[in-house]
């Protein structure tokens, strides 16, 4: 009994120390109105955005004043075509955040995707953990067969729309709201809304990678990074997307 008590106390202390060590903000919002140049998004101290991901010399990120959802500015992402063997990225990232198990993360943003060509495997939002080894596990919103779905970067099935689903609108502003209760067990949940209509849902769902990944990737049972834009383009078409009015908050 005494041994069990010691183990329980040790586990609690470890959990508290882990949260203290990896502490960070659990909310962020940006309407992009205060930037004159895209370089202004990166302040070097992670108070604003942390870094860009541009995996091709032709990919560009710019501040735009022509296509905006509100105010006078948005962020424009222009990315070349990719493939399943050569994924292209054109995105903005914010790291050193802290979204812990038991919390509900709500990401709300507006995006405008140009063109009318079919889209297959274009990712636009990632919630993930930046890890020392390999690609960070997490959840990603992707447009597949012209419709949104949720993919997991750990062993878990995709969350897809039921029936015929709802197409992702083109050449107009679209509001995306992503809600997830974080859990390493099948006690989490996911809700995704497109223009106010719920299109994806899952209950009794694992929304964090299990601790078994720690031995390989040093995961910590949390997410600490958000990514917006053309976060991964496996589609064989180039794409242009605008982003505005980003909000990420945590509900205890």
Protein backbone atom coordinates (compact mmCIF):
# COMPACT_ATOMS: atom_id res chain seq x y z
CA UNK A 1 0.00 0.00 0.00
CA UNK A 2 2.82 2.36 0.90
CA UNK A 3 4.57 1.54 -2.39
CA UNK A 4 1.40 2.30 -4.36
CA UNK A 5 1.01 5.61 -2.52
CA UNK A 6 4.59 6.57 -3.36
CA UNK A 7 3.96 5.77 -7.02
CA UNK A 8 0.82 7.90 -7.06
CA UNK A 9 2.59 10.85 -5.44
CA UNK A 10 5.48 10.52 -7.89
CA UNK A 11 3.08 10.49 -10.83
CA UNK A 12 1.34 13.64 -9.61
CA UNK A 13 4.64 15.44 -9.04
CA UNK A 14 5.89 14.40 -12.47
CA UNK A 15 2.71 15.66 -14.11
CA UNK A 16 2.97 19.02 -12.32
CA UNK A 17 6.65 19.41 -13.20
CA UNK A 18 5.96 18.48 -16.81
CA UNK A 19 3.26 21.14 -17.13
CA UNK A 20 5.55 23.72 -15.54
CA UNK A 21 8.46 22.82 -17.81
CA UNK A 22 6.39 22.89 -21.01
CA UNK A 23 4.13 25.77 -20.04
CA UNK A 24 3.01 28.22 -22.72
CA UNK A 25 0.03 30.23 -23.95
CA UNK A 26 -3.18 28.32 -24.62
CA UNK A 27 -4.80 30.97 -26.79
CA UNK A 28 -3.90 33.24 -29.70
CA UNK A 29 -5.77 35.54 -32.07
CA UNK A 30 -4.72 37.53 -35.12
CA UNK A 31 -6.65 39.63 -37.63
CA UNK A 32 -3.39 40.59 -39.44
CA UNK A 33 -4.23 44.30 -39.38
CA UNK A 34 -1.00 45.47 -37.72
CA UNK A 35 1.46 44.10 -40.29
CA UNK A 36 2.99 46.11 -43.13
CA UNK A 37 5.18 43.28 -44.44
CA UNK A 38 4.87 39.54 -44.04
CA UNK A 39 8.22 39.47 -42.20
CA UNK A 40 6.51 41.37 -39.37
CA UNK A 41 4.57 38.21 -38.47
CA UNK A 42 7.75 36.66 -37.06
CA UNK A 43 9.03 38.58 -34.04
CA UNK A 44 11.76 36.15 -32.98
CA UNK A 45 10.34 35.78 -29.46
CA UNK A 46 7.28 33.63 -30.25
CA UNK A 47 5.01 36.40 -29.01
CA UNK A 48 3.55 36.52 -32.52
CA UNK A 49 4.04 33.75 -35.09
CA UNK A 50 7.15 31.57 -34.78
CA UNK A 51 8.20 30.66 -38.32
CA UNK A 52 7.19 30.15 -41.94
CA UNK A 53 7.34 26.83 -43.79
CA UNK A 54 8.18 27.29 -47.46
CA UNK A 55 9.40 24.04 -48.97
CA UNK A 56 9.66 25.34 -52.53
CA UNK A 57 11.37 28.47 -53.83
CA UNK A 58 8.21 29.38 -55.77
CA UNK A 59 5.96 29.25 -52.70
CA UNK A 60 5.17 32.69 -51.25
CA UNK A 61 3.44 34.22 -48.23
CA UNK A 62 2.39 37.88 -48.45
CA UNK A 63 0.17 40.43 -46.73
CA UNK A 64 -2.82 41.09 -49.01
CA UNK A 65 -5.13 44.12 -49.13
CA UNK A 66 -7.41 43.06 -51.98
CA UNK A 67 -9.18 39.97 -50.64
CA UNK A 68 -10.00 40.40 -46.96
CA UNK A 69 -12.71 39.09 -44.69
CA UNK A 70 -12.75 42.07 -42.34
CA UNK A 71 -10.56 45.11 -41.88
CA UNK A 72 -8.04 45.86 -44.61
CA UNK A 73 -5.57 42.96 -44.58
CA UNK A 74 -5.29 39.18 -44.83
CA UNK A 75 -2.46 36.70 -45.42
CA UNK A 76 -2.07 35.22 -48.90
CA UNK A 77 -0.48 31.78 -49.41
CA UNK A 78 0.58 30.76 -52.92
CA UNK A 79 1.88 27.21 -53.25
CA UNK A 80 3.03 25.08 -56.15
CA UNK A 81 1.63 21.65 -56.92
CA UNK A 82 2.75 18.72 -54.82
CA UNK A 83 2.41 14.95 -54.93
CA UNK A 84 2.18 12.01 -52.55
CA UNK A 85 5.95 11.63 -52.88
CA UNK A 86 6.76 15.35 -52.71
CA UNK A 87 4.48 17.24 -50.34
CA UNK A 88 4.75 21.04 -50.53
CA UNK A 89 4.25 23.38 -47.58
CA UNK A 90 3.40 27.10 -47.50
CA UNK A 91 2.28 28.00 -43.99
CA UNK A 92 2.69 30.02 -40.79
CA UNK A 93 3.33 28.32 -37.44
CA UNK A 94 3.13 29.27 -33.80
CA UNK A 95 4.99 26.99 -31.40
CA UNK A 96 5.70 26.75 -27.64
CA UNK A 97 1.98 26.79 -26.82
CA UNK A 98 0.36 24.42 -24.31
CA UNK A 99 -2.83 22.45 -24.92
CA UNK A 100 -3.20 19.70 -22.30
CA UNK A 101 -5.28 16.57 -21.90
CA UNK A 102 -8.73 17.35 -20.52
CA UNK A 103 -8.89 20.75 -22.20
CA UNK A 104 -11.08 21.68 -25.15
CA UNK A 105 -9.30 23.54 -27.94
CA UNK A 106 -11.39 25.73 -30.24
CA UNK A 107 -9.84 27.06 -33.46
CA UNK A 108 -11.90 29.49 -35.53
CA UNK A 109 -10.68 31.04 -38.78
CA UNK A 110 -11.74 32.33 -42.18
CA UNK A 111 -10.16 31.15 -45.43
CA UNK A 112 -10.67 31.89 -49.11
CA UNK A 113 -9.50 29.29 -51.64
CA UNK A 114 -9.15 30.44 -55.24
CA UNK A 115 -9.88 28.34 -58.32
CA UNK A 116 -12.35 25.69 -59.42
CA UNK A 117 -10.10 22.68 -60.02
CA UNK A 118 -10.69 19.53 -57.98
CA UNK A 119 -8.77 19.28 -54.71
CA UNK A 120 -7.42 16.06 -53.26
CA UNK A 121 -5.28 16.08 -50.10
CA UNK A 122 -4.71 19.74 -49.40
CA UNK A 123 -4.19 20.45 -45.68
CA UNK A 124 -5.15 23.85 -44.24
CA UNK A 125 -4.85 23.56 -40.43
CA UNK A 126 -2.69 21.49 -38.06
CA UNK A 127 -2.81 21.08 -34.29
CA UNK A 128 0.23 19.09 -33.30
CA UNK A 129 3.10 18.47 -30.93
CA UNK A 130 6.56 19.50 -32.01
CA UNK A 131 8.79 16.58 -31.03
CA UNK A 132 12.57 16.00 -31.11
CA UNK A 133 12.28 12.89 -33.30
CA UNK A 134 10.27 12.58 -36.52
CA UNK A 135 7.14 14.39 -37.63
CA UNK A 136 4.97 15.80 -34.85
CA UNK A 137 1.85 13.76 -34.06
CA UNK A 138 -1.43 15.63 -34.16
CA UNK A 139 -4.66 16.33 -36.03
CA UNK A 140 -4.99 18.01 -39.42
CA UNK A 141 -7.88 19.37 -41.45
CA UNK A 142 -7.62 18.40 -45.11
CA UNK A 143 -9.68 18.94 -48.24
CA UNK A 144 -10.07 15.56 -49.93
CA UNK A 145 -12.35 15.02 -52.92
CA UNK A 146 -13.36 18.69 -52.49
CA UNK A 147 -14.63 18.12 -48.91
CA UNK A 148 -13.12 18.63 -45.47
CA UNK A 149 -12.03 15.69 -43.35
CA UNK A 150 -9.90 15.26 -40.23
CA UNK A 151 -6.71 13.21 -40.42
CA UNK A 152 -4.64 12.03 -37.46
CA UNK A 153 -0.84 11.90 -37.47
CA UNK A 154 -0.95 8.88 -35.17
CA UNK A 155 -2.78 5.53 -35.43
CA UNK A 156 -6.42 6.61 -35.56
CA UNK A 157 -8.97 6.52 -38.42
CA UNK A 158 -9.87 9.67 -40.31
CA UNK A 159 -13.06 11.49 -39.35
CA UNK A 160 -15.05 11.87 -42.57
CA UNK A 161 -18.36 13.45 -43.48
CA UNK A 162 -21.38 11.20 -43.60
CA UNK A 163 -23.36 10.64 -46.78
CA UNK A 164 -22.48 12.81 -49.75
CA UNK A 165 -21.00 15.45 -47.48
CA UNK A 166 -20.74 19.20 -48.01
CA UNK A 167 -18.38 20.59 -50.63
CA UNK A 168 -15.78 23.15 -49.63
CA UNK A 169 -16.82 26.49 -51.24
CA UNK A 170 -14.42 28.20 -53.64
CA UNK A 171 -13.71 31.84 -54.45
CA UNK A 172 -15.48 33.04 -51.32
CA UNK A 173 -14.76 33.38 -47.62
CA UNK A 174 -15.48 30.25 -45.58
CA UNK A 175 -15.63 30.06 -41.79
CA UNK A 176 -14.09 26.97 -40.20
CA UNK A 177 -14.58 26.15 -36.53
CA UNK A 178 -12.67 23.19 -35.07
CA UNK A 179 -13.39 21.94 -31.53
CA UNK A 180 -11.68 19.04 -29.79
CA UNK A 181 -11.65 17.67 -26.25
CA UNK A 182 -8.13 16.33 -25.76
CA UNK A 183 -7.71 12.78 -24.47
CA UNK A 184 -5.12 10.02 -24.88
CA UNK A 185 -7.90 7.52 -24.25
CA UNK A 186 -11.17 7.15 -26.11
CA UNK A 187 -12.72 9.89 -24.00
CA UNK A 188 -12.18 12.82 -26.35
CA UNK A 189 -14.37 14.37 -29.01
CA UNK A 190 -14.17 16.33 -32.26
CA UNK A 191 -16.56 18.79 -33.89
CA UNK A 192 -15.92 20.69 -37.13
CA UNK A 193 -18.27 23.37 -38.47
CA UNK A 194 -18.20 24.89 -41.96
CA UNK A 195 -20.06 28.19 -42.20
CA UNK A 196 -21.93 27.34 -39.00
CA UNK A 197 -23.01 23.87 -40.12
CA UNK A 198 -21.56 20.84 -38.31
CA UNK A 199 -19.94 18.61 -40.91
CA UNK A 200 -17.64 16.37 -38.83
CA UNK A 201 -18.11 14.79 -35.42
CA UNK A 202 -16.65 12.00 -33.32
CA UNK A 203 -17.29 11.04 -29.69
CA UNK A 204 -15.45 8.61 -27.41
CA UNK A 205 -12.44 9.44 -29.55
CA UNK A 206 -8.68 9.44 -28.96
CA UNK A 207 -7.50 12.96 -29.76
CA UNK A 208 -3.95 12.82 -28.35
CA UNK A 209 -1.22 10.28 -29.14
CA UNK A 210 -0.74 7.65 -26.46
CA UNK A 211 2.33 7.59 -24.23
CA UNK A 212 3.70 4.61 -26.14
CA UNK A 213 4.99 7.16 -28.66
CA UNK A 214 7.21 8.69 -25.97
CA UNK A 215 9.90 6.04 -26.38
CA UNK A 216 10.21 6.84 -30.09
CA UNK A 217 9.32 10.52 -30.37
CA UNK A 218 9.35 11.89 -26.78
CA UNK A 219 5.74 13.02 -26.82
CA UNK A 220 4.36 14.68 -23.68
CA UNK A 221 0.61 14.11 -23.81
CA UNK A 222 -0.11 17.59 -25.18
CA UNK A 223 -0.14 19.74 -28.30
CA UNK A 224 2.08 22.80 -28.52
CA UNK A 225 1.93 24.06 -32.08
CA UNK A 226 -0.66 25.46 -34.49
CA UNK A 227 -0.17 25.79 -38.25
CA UNK A 228 -2.32 27.59 -40.84
CA UNK A 229 -2.15 27.99 -44.61
CA UNK A 230 -1.28 25.40 -47.23
CA UNK A 231 0.14 23.25 -44.44
CA UNK A 232 0.71 20.33 -46.80
CA UNK A 233 -0.13 20.05 -50.49
CA UNK A 234 -0.15 16.52 -51.87
CA UNK A 235 -2.48 17.63 -54.66
CA UNK A 236 -1.21 17.85 -58.25
CA UNK A 237 -2.50 21.43 -58.56
CA UNK A 238 -1.08 24.73 -57.39
CA UNK A 239 -3.26 26.64 -54.91
CA UNK A 240 -3.78 30.15 -53.57
CA UNK A 241 -5.45 30.62 -50.19
CA UNK A 242 -6.19 33.68 -48.06
CA UNK A 243 -6.43 33.58 -44.25
CA UNK A 244 -8.08 36.06 -41.90
CA UNK A 245 -9.44 36.42 -38.36
CA UNK A 246 -7.67 33.51 -36.68
CA UNK A 247 -8.64 32.63 -33.12
CA UNK A 248 -7.46 29.70 -30.99
CA UNK A 249 -8.73 29.41 -27.42
CA UNK A 250 -8.81 26.78 -24.69
CA UNK A 251 -11.82 25.89 -22.56
CA UNK A 252 -11.02 24.05 -19.34
